[in-house]
Amino acid sequence: MSTPLSVLMVEDSDEDTELVIRELRRGGYDVSFERVDTPQAMSATLENRAWDVVICDFSLPHFSGADALRLLRGRNPDTPFIYVSSMIGEETAVDALKQGAHDYVMKGSLRRLLPSIQRELKEAVQRGEKARLERQAQQHERFEAIGRLAGGIAHDFNNLIGAILGWAELGEDEARNGSGLQDRFRQIRNQAERAAGLTTQLLAFARRQVLQPVKLDVNQSISEMRSFLASG
């Protein structure tokens, strides 16, 4: 079964394009391609779709291979870019690789094209996987930081709610049964319990053990305060 391969040919010759596509199909690829030879046409096709590989002549009448490389890298830094040319020397080829091209193949040695594309497609997948893992790690670090912040806030908020619940319960017990004051304390306690639910959600988000609001022993606290004042 043929392997699908989308190829953007930056080439001014229909004949040379046909030779490259024939070589790729001979190697087992089901090739879909488009040929462009101006920066405007290349920009338009890069805007419309993504390509598996860009194969570019080094010298074209309307713009250079280096211009085509910069145009591609401005939109997609990972797409394999391979020069196929008859007008490129060794020193020029080395400079091209330094500028971001992945390989160069002479038009008279197209047998090198298939292994070059296979290698670059594999490495492109590896680069994409590495970038994906790095993004996941960065996202995990952000969530960890947010979780620690949420957990700290929830812990402090939990202590405040515990105090509110304790005082509300004490006031409700001391107020006259059926009085408006007792009802107000009951409303305070109900709202504090709702706030405790938000604390539970925050702690769950922080992936920590859910803490239940603690009702303070207000009677003991008051007794201790009175004893302290009396001793002064």
Protein backbone atom coordinates (compact mmCIF):
# COMPACT_ATOMS: atom_id res chain seq x y z
CA MET A 1 0.00 0.00 0.00
CA SER A 2 1.40 3.39 -0.98
CA THR A 3 2.25 5.97 1.67
CA PRO A 4 0.48 9.33 1.16
CA LEU A 5 2.92 12.21 0.72
CA SER A 6 2.09 15.85 0.02
CA VAL A 7 4.93 17.71 -1.69
CA LEU A 8 5.31 21.39 -2.42
CA MET A 9 7.64 21.76 -5.41
CA VAL A 10 9.38 25.13 -5.60
CA GLU A 11 10.56 24.68 -9.14
CA ASP A 12 10.30 26.54 -12.46
CA SER A 13 10.61 23.44 -14.66
CA ASP A 14 7.70 21.09 -15.33
CA GLU A 15 10.14 18.46 -16.63
CA ASP A 16 12.31 18.50 -13.49
CA THR A 17 9.20 18.41 -11.32
CA GLU A 18 7.98 15.34 -13.17
CA LEU A 19 11.32 13.59 -12.65
CA VAL A 20 11.18 14.19 -8.89
CA ILE A 21 7.56 13.09 -8.55
CA ARG A 22 8.24 9.97 -10.63
CA GLU A 23 11.14 9.09 -8.33
CA LEU A 24 8.96 9.48 -5.24
CA ARG A 25 6.20 7.34 -6.72
CA ARG A 26 8.74 4.71 -7.70
CA GLY A 27 9.74 4.64 -4.04
CA GLY A 28 6.20 3.74 -2.94
CA TYR A 29 4.72 7.14 -2.17
CA ASP A 30 1.24 8.18 -3.22
CA VAL A 31 2.23 11.73 -4.09
CA SER A 32 0.02 14.79 -4.22
CA PHE A 33 1.91 17.91 -5.20
CA GLU A 34 1.76 21.49 -6.31
CA ARG A 35 4.42 23.41 -8.19
CA VAL A 36 5.11 27.09 -7.51
CA ASP A 37 7.85 29.38 -8.78
CA THR A 38 7.07 32.79 -7.26
CA PRO A 39 6.99 34.02 -3.65
CA GLN A 40 3.36 35.06 -4.07
CA ALA A 41 2.30 31.59 -5.18
CA MET A 42 4.30 29.92 -2.42
CA SER A 43 2.80 32.20 0.25
CA ALA A 44 -0.70 31.46 -1.02
CA THR A 45 -0.28 27.68 -0.94
CA LEU A 46 1.37 27.74 2.50
CA GLU A 47 -1.61 29.73 3.72
CA ASN A 48 -4.07 27.19 2.34
CA ARG A 49 -2.56 23.90 3.51
CA ALA A 50 0.27 22.13 5.28
CA TRP A 51 2.83 20.09 3.34
CA ASP A 52 4.76 16.99 4.36
CA VAL A 53 7.90 18.18 2.60
CA VAL A 54 9.10 21.10 0.49
CA ILE A 55 11.46 20.30 -2.41
CA CYS A 56 13.13 23.38 -3.83
CA ASP A 57 15.46 24.26 -6.68
CA PHE A 58 18.33 26.40 -5.48
CA SER A 59 18.05 29.04 -8.19
CA LEU A 60 14.80 30.24 -9.73
CA PRO A 61 14.13 33.15 -12.08
CA HIS A 62 11.78 35.01 -9.72
CA PHE A 63 13.30 34.27 -6.31
CA SER A 64 16.01 32.21 -4.69
CA GLY A 65 15.89 28.98 -2.75
CA ALA A 66 17.08 30.90 0.31
CA ASP A 67 14.05 33.18 -0.02
CA ALA A 68 11.80 30.14 -0.27
CA LEU A 69 13.42 28.67 2.85
CA ARG A 70 12.87 31.86 4.84
CA LEU A 71 9.27 32.01 3.62
CA LEU A 72 8.62 28.47 4.81
CA ARG A 73 10.35 28.91 8.15
CA GLY A 74 8.29 32.02 8.81
CA ARG A 75 5.19 29.83 8.76
CA ASN A 76 6.35 26.36 9.75
CA PRO A 77 9.75 25.77 11.35
CA ASP A 78 9.47 21.97 11.27
CA THR A 79 8.48 21.10 7.69
CA PRO A 80 11.38 19.26 5.97
CA PHE A 81 13.02 21.43 3.29
CA ILE A 82 15.24 19.71 0.74
CA TYR A 83 17.16 21.32 -2.08
CA VAL A 84 17.14 19.44 -5.39
CA SER A 85 19.34 21.32 -7.79
CA SER A 86 22.04 21.05 -10.42
CA MET A 87 23.56 24.41 -9.48
CA ILE A 88 24.85 24.01 -5.97
CA GLY A 89 28.42 23.49 -4.85
CA GLU A 90 29.61 21.86 -1.66
CA GLU A 91 30.34 25.15 0.12
CA THR A 92 26.98 26.59 -0.90
CA ALA A 93 25.25 23.41 0.24
CA VAL A 94 26.89 23.64 3.67
CA ASP A 95 25.72 27.24 3.99
CA ALA A 96 22.21 26.18 3.00
CA LEU A 97 22.15 23.57 5.77
CA LYS A 98 23.30 26.18 8.27
CA GLN A 99 20.41 28.39 7.18
CA GLY A 100 17.88 25.67 8.00
CA ALA A 101 17.63 23.38 4.97
CA HIS A 102 17.56 19.71 5.93
CA ASP A 103 19.40 18.25 2.94
CA TYR A 104 20.45 18.82 -0.65
CA VAL A 105 20.31 16.40 -3.56
CA MET A 106 21.80 16.88 -7.00
CA LYS A 107 19.35 16.48 -9.87
CA GLY A 108 21.74 13.98 -11.43
CA SER A 109 21.63 11.83 -8.26
CA LEU A 110 17.92 11.54 -7.52
CA ARG A 111 18.49 8.09 -6.02
CA ARG A 112 19.51 9.98 -2.85
CA LEU A 113 16.15 11.68 -2.66
CA LEU A 114 14.10 8.78 -1.27
CA PRO A 115 16.35 7.97 1.72
CA SER A 116 16.69 11.69 2.40
CA ILE A 117 12.92 12.19 2.53
CA GLN A 118 12.41 9.07 4.62
CA ARG A 119 14.99 10.28 7.14
CA GLU A 120 13.65 13.81 7.31
CA LEU A 121 10.03 12.72 7.68
CA LYS A 122 11.04 10.46 10.56
CA GLU A 123 12.99 13.24 12.22
CA ALA A 124 10.09 15.66 11.70
CA VAL A 125 7.83 13.24 13.60
CA GLN A 126 10.43 13.01 16.37
CA ARG A 127 10.70 16.81 16.57
CA GLY A 128 6.93 17.09 16.75
CA GLU A 129 6.76 14.48 19.52
CA LYS A 130 9.53 16.22 21.45
CA ALA A 131 7.74 19.57 21.13
CA ARG A 132 4.47 17.94 22.27
CA LEU A 133 6.14 16.44 25.34
CA GLU A 134 7.77 19.77 26.18
CA ARG A 135 4.40 21.53 25.93
CA GLN A 136 2.87 18.88 28.19
CA ALA A 137 5.65 19.33 30.73
CA GLN A 138 5.21 23.11 30.71
CA GLN A 139 1.45 22.76 31.07
CA HIS A 140 1.93 20.31 33.94
CA GLU A 141 4.24 22.76 35.70
CA ARG A 142 1.68 25.54 35.31
CA PHE A 143 -1.08 23.34 36.71
CA GLU A 144 1.17 22.31 39.59
CA ALA A 145 1.83 25.96 40.43
CA ILE A 146 -1.86 26.82 40.19
CA GLY A 147 -2.70 23.76 42.29
CA ARG A 148 -0.26 24.79 45.03
CA LEU A 149 -1.71 28.29 45.06
CA ALA A 150 -5.28 27.01 45.13
CA GLY A 151 -4.43 24.54 47.89
CA GLY A 152 -2.85 27.25 50.04
CA ILE A 153 -5.81 29.58 49.60
CA ALA A 154 -8.27 26.79 50.30
CA HIS A 155 -6.41 25.78 53.46
CA ASP A 156 -6.48 29.32 54.87
CA PHE A 157 -10.08 29.82 53.76
CA ASN A 158 -11.00 26.54 55.42
CA ASN A 159 -9.73 27.79 58.78
CA LEU A 160 -11.75 31.01 58.46
CA ILE A 161 -14.89 29.07 57.62
CA GLY A 162 -14.35 26.86 60.64
CA ALA A 163 -14.28 29.91 62.90
CA ILE A 164 -17.40 31.38 61.26
CA LEU A 165 -19.27 28.10 61.65
CA GLY A 166 -18.28 27.85 65.30
CA TRP A 167 -19.37 31.38 66.18
CA ALA A 168 -22.60 31.02 64.18
CA GLU A 169 -23.47 27.81 65.98
CA LEU A 170 -22.74 29.40 69.35
CA GLY A 171 -24.89 32.43 68.54
CA GLU A 172 -27.70 30.23 67.27
CA ASP A 173 -27.66 28.18 70.49
CA GLU A 174 -27.64 31.26 72.75
CA ALA A 175 -30.35 33.16 70.85
CA ARG A 176 -33.96 32.80 71.93
CA ASN A 177 -35.73 29.98 70.09
CA GLY A 178 -37.78 31.24 67.17
CA SER A 179 -36.29 34.71 67.34
CA GLY A 180 -35.12 36.69 64.35
CA LEU A 181 -31.60 36.72 65.82
CA GLN A 182 -31.51 32.94 65.91
CA ASP A 183 -32.65 32.85 62.28
CA ARG A 184 -29.88 35.25 61.30
CA PHE A 185 -27.26 33.07 62.95
CA ARG A 186 -28.75 30.07 61.14
CA GLN A 187 -28.42 31.93 57.83
CA ILE A 188 -24.78 32.74 58.61
CA ARG A 189 -24.12 29.07 59.30
CA ASN A 190 -25.85 27.99 56.08
CA GLN A 191 -23.81 30.44 53.99
CA ALA A 192 -20.60 29.33 55.68
CA GLU A 193 -21.42 25.72 54.83
CA ARG A 194 -21.91 26.74 51.19
CA ALA A 195 -18.54 28.45 51.27
CA ALA A 196 -17.10 25.22 52.64
CA GLY A 197 -18.30 23.53 49.46
CA LEU A 198 -16.22 25.96 47.39
CA THR A 199 -13.23 25.13 49.58
CA THR A 200 -13.77 21.46 48.82
CA GLN A 201 -13.73 22.21 45.09
CA LEU A 202 -10.53 24.22 45.40
CA LEU A 203 -8.83 21.44 47.29
CA ALA A 204 -10.01 18.87 44.73
CA PHE A 205 -8.57 21.03 41.96
CA ALA A 206 -5.30 21.21 43.85
CA ARG A 207 -5.34 17.40 43.98
CA ARG A 208 -5.01 17.42 47.70
CA GLN A 209 -6.89 15.57 50.40
CA VAL A 210 -10.20 17.30 51.01
CA LEU A 211 -10.33 18.92 54.39
CA GLN A 212 -13.61 19.30 56.23
CA PRO A 213 -14.28 22.67 57.92
CA VAL A 214 -13.44 22.40 61.60
CA LYS A 215 -15.85 23.90 64.10
CA LEU A 216 -13.88 25.65 66.82
CA ASP A 217 -14.75 25.11 70.47
CA VAL A 218 -15.77 28.74 70.98
CA ASN A 219 -16.91 28.18 74.57
CA GLN A 220 -13.44 26.98 75.50
CA SER A 221 -11.86 29.91 73.64
CA ILE A 222 -14.06 32.43 75.48
CA SER A 223 -13.37 30.74 78.81
CA GLU A 224 -9.64 30.88 78.18
CA MET A 225 -9.84 34.55 77.17
CA ARG A 226 -11.81 35.47 80.32
CA SER A 227 -9.31 33.62 82.51
CA PHE A 228 -6.48 35.46 80.78
CA LEU A 229 -8.16 38.86 81.33
CA ALA A 230 -8.96 38.02 84.94
CA SER A 231 -5.39 37.04 85.65
CA GLY A 232 -4.21 40.41 84.27
